[in-house]
Protein backbone atom coordinates (compact mmCIF):
# COMPACT_ATOMS: atom_id res chain seq x y z
CA UNK A 1 -10.77 161.03 -118.31
CA UNK A 2 -7.35 162.42 -117.48
CA UNK A 3 -8.27 165.80 -119.01
CA UNK A 4 -11.51 165.99 -117.03
CA UNK A 5 -9.62 165.30 -113.75
CA UNK A 6 -7.06 167.99 -114.62
CA UNK A 7 -9.81 170.53 -115.31
CA UNK A 8 -11.62 169.71 -112.06
CA UNK A 9 -8.36 169.86 -110.07
CA UNK A 10 -7.50 173.23 -111.62
CA UNK A 11 -10.99 174.63 -110.82
CA UNK A 12 -10.72 173.49 -107.19
CA UNK A 13 -7.19 174.97 -106.88
CA UNK A 14 -8.33 178.32 -108.39
CA UNK A 15 -11.35 178.42 -106.02
CA UNK A 16 -9.13 177.81 -103.01
CA UNK A 17 -6.69 180.49 -104.13
CA UNK A 18 -9.62 182.89 -104.55
CA UNK A 19 -10.84 182.14 -101.02
CA UNK A 20 -7.37 182.69 -99.54
CA UNK A 21 -6.81 185.91 -101.44
CA UNK A 22 -10.31 187.10 -100.67
CA UNK A 23 -9.95 186.35 -96.96
CA UNK A 24 -6.67 188.26 -96.79
CA UNK A 25 -7.98 191.18 -98.87
CA UNK A 26 -11.34 191.21 -97.00
CA UNK A 27 -9.92 191.09 -93.46
CA UNK A 28 -6.71 193.08 -93.77
CA UNK A 29 -7.18 195.49 -96.60
CA UNK A 30 -10.86 196.14 -95.91
CA UNK A 31 -12.08 194.89 -99.23
CA UNK A 32 -15.60 193.54 -99.27
CA UNK A 33 -15.10 190.47 -101.45
CA UNK A 34 -17.13 188.18 -99.15
CA UNK A 35 -19.74 190.35 -97.36
CA UNK A 36 -19.71 189.78 -93.60
CA UNK A 37 -23.48 189.58 -93.38
CA UNK A 38 -23.45 186.76 -96.03
CA UNK A 39 -21.75 184.44 -93.61
CA UNK A 40 -22.72 185.25 -90.02
CA UNK A 41 -20.37 184.21 -87.18
CA UNK A 42 -17.68 183.57 -89.75
CA UNK A 43 -13.93 183.94 -89.10
CA UNK A 44 -12.64 187.33 -90.14
CA UNK A 45 -9.04 188.05 -91.17
CA UNK A 46 -6.87 189.80 -88.69
CA UNK A 47 -7.25 193.60 -88.53
CA UNK A 48 -3.82 194.48 -87.08
CA UNK A 49 -0.14 193.49 -87.19
CA UNK A 50 -0.33 192.10 -83.65
CA UNK A 51 -3.05 189.66 -84.66
CA UNK A 52 -0.91 188.60 -87.67
CA UNK A 53 2.06 188.19 -85.31
CA UNK A 54 0.05 185.96 -82.99
CA UNK A 55 -1.12 183.82 -85.94
CA UNK A 56 2.43 183.49 -87.21
CA UNK A 57 3.61 182.45 -83.71
CA UNK A 58 0.97 179.78 -83.55
CA UNK A 59 1.69 178.50 -87.02
CA UNK A 60 5.46 178.45 -86.29
CA UNK A 61 4.91 176.54 -83.09
CA UNK A 62 2.81 173.98 -85.00
CA UNK A 63 5.51 173.58 -87.58
CA UNK A 64 8.11 173.11 -84.82
CA UNK A 65 5.99 170.49 -83.17
CA UNK A 66 5.61 168.72 -86.49
CA UNK A 67 9.36 168.87 -87.03
CA UNK A 68 9.96 167.47 -83.55
CA UNK A 69 7.51 164.64 -84.17
CA UNK A 70 9.24 163.89 -87.48
CA UNK A 71 12.65 163.92 -85.74
CA UNK A 72 11.39 161.39 -83.21
CA UNK A 73 9.98 159.19 -85.94
CA UNK A 74 13.27 159.37 -87.86
CA UNK A 75 15.25 158.43 -84.76
CA UNK A 76 12.94 155.48 -84.10
CA UNK A 77 13.26 154.39 -87.72
CA UNK A 78 17.03 154.70 -87.51
CA UNK A 79 17.14 152.56 -84.36
CA UNK A 80 14.92 149.92 -86.01
CA UNK A 81 17.10 149.99 -89.11
CA UNK A 82 20.24 149.43 -87.05
CA UNK A 83 18.52 146.53 -85.23
CA UNK A 84 17.42 144.90 -88.48
CA UNK A 85 20.87 145.37 -89.95
CA UNK A 86 22.54 143.78 -86.99
CA UNK A 87 20.15 140.86 -87.15
CA UNK A 88 20.76 140.37 -90.88
CA UNK A 89 24.58 140.51 -90.35
CA UNK A 90 24.34 138.06 -87.45
CA UNK A 91 22.16 135.57 -89.35
CA UNK A 92 23.68 135.84 -92.85
CA UNK A 93 27.18 137.14 -92.53
CA UNK A 94 28.37 134.78 -89.79
CA UNK A 95 27.64 131.62 -91.84
CA UNK A 96 29.17 133.25 -94.90
CA UNK A 97 32.34 134.06 -92.93
CA UNK A 98 32.49 130.48 -91.63
CA UNK A 99 32.18 129.18 -95.16
CA UNK A 100 34.97 131.57 -96.26
CA UNK A 101 37.18 130.34 -93.45
CA UNK A 102 36.54 126.74 -94.53
CA UNK A 103 37.36 127.58 -98.15
CA UNK A 104 40.61 129.29 -97.05
CA UNK A 105 41.58 126.24 -95.00
CA UNK A 106 40.94 124.07 -98.06
CA UNK A 107 43.10 126.40 -100.22
CA UNK A 108 45.85 126.34 -97.56
CA UNK A 109 45.73 122.53 -97.37
CA UNK A 110 45.86 122.23 -101.21
CA UNK A 111 48.85 124.63 -101.31
CA UNK A 112 50.72 122.68 -98.68
CA UNK A 113 50.00 119.40 -100.48
CA UNK A 114 51.19 120.83 -103.78
CA UNK A 115 54.29 122.26 -102.12
CA UNK A 116 55.16 118.91 -100.55
CA UNK A 117 54.37 116.67 -103.49
CA UNK A 118 55.54 118.91 -106.42
CA UNK A 119 57.93 121.60 -105.19
CA UNK A 120 59.92 119.66 -102.61
CA UNK A 121 61.14 116.93 -104.96
CA UNK A 122 62.13 119.53 -107.58
CA UNK A 123 64.00 121.57 -105.00
CA UNK A 124 65.76 118.44 -103.69
CA UNK A 125 66.71 117.36 -107.20
CA UNK A 126 68.04 120.82 -108.05
CA UNK A 127 70.01 120.91 -104.80
CA UNK A 128 71.61 117.52 -105.54
CA UNK A 129 72.49 118.56 -109.14
CA UNK A 130 74.02 121.82 -107.85
CA UNK A 131 75.97 119.95 -105.24
CA UNK A 132 77.36 117.48 -107.77
CA UNK A 133 78.30 120.35 -110.18
CA UNK A 134 80.01 122.22 -107.34
CA UNK A 135 81.82 119.04 -106.25
CA UNK A 136 82.99 118.27 -109.78
CA UNK A 137 84.02 121.90 -110.23
CA UNK A 138 85.97 121.85 -107.04
CA UNK A 139 87.79 118.60 -107.98
CA UNK A 140 88.57 119.71 -111.53
CA UNK A 141 89.82 123.18 -110.53
CA UNK A 142 91.78 121.98 -107.50
CA UNK A 143 95.31 122.27 -109.01
CA UNK A 144 94.55 125.72 -110.42
CA UNK A 145 93.34 126.92 -107.04
CA UNK A 146 96.48 125.65 -105.28
CA UNK A 147 98.72 127.49 -107.75
CA UNK A 148 96.63 130.63 -107.58
CA UNK A 149 95.85 130.61 -111.30
CA UNK A 150 92.44 131.41 -112.63
CA UNK A 151 90.85 130.44 -115.83
CA UNK A 152 90.34 133.08 -118.52
CA UNK A 153 87.00 134.88 -118.28
CA UNK A 154 86.60 134.39 -114.53
CA UNK A 155 87.41 137.17 -112.15
């Protein structure tokens, strides 16, 4: 089936190419591929460069109109895309951001709780131990400090 469709498509394409080439050769180069009397009141290919120029102008104008129409369609599609994107962001991103804020608040609260219940007692205990060590050191080294002597190894 696929082969048959390929053969039919190729035959149609070749016939259309023959018609285009025959029309150009018949009208412009004076060849008589399709006799004029065989198809009365038929379109004939242009006979001069000015007729070709006019046809090219018309075809160019048609392509520019098509390009303008496509540009308008693309602008409209872009505006619609921006609108849909804003709607999606407004409906989906805002709740997600609220959830993220709530999660950050939970993390912040957990961090503060851990700091108050775990870190603060350790810091206080370390400060007390350091204070006691400094106090004992000050009392035991007091006579040496008064006399201006230092222990060996300390500068």
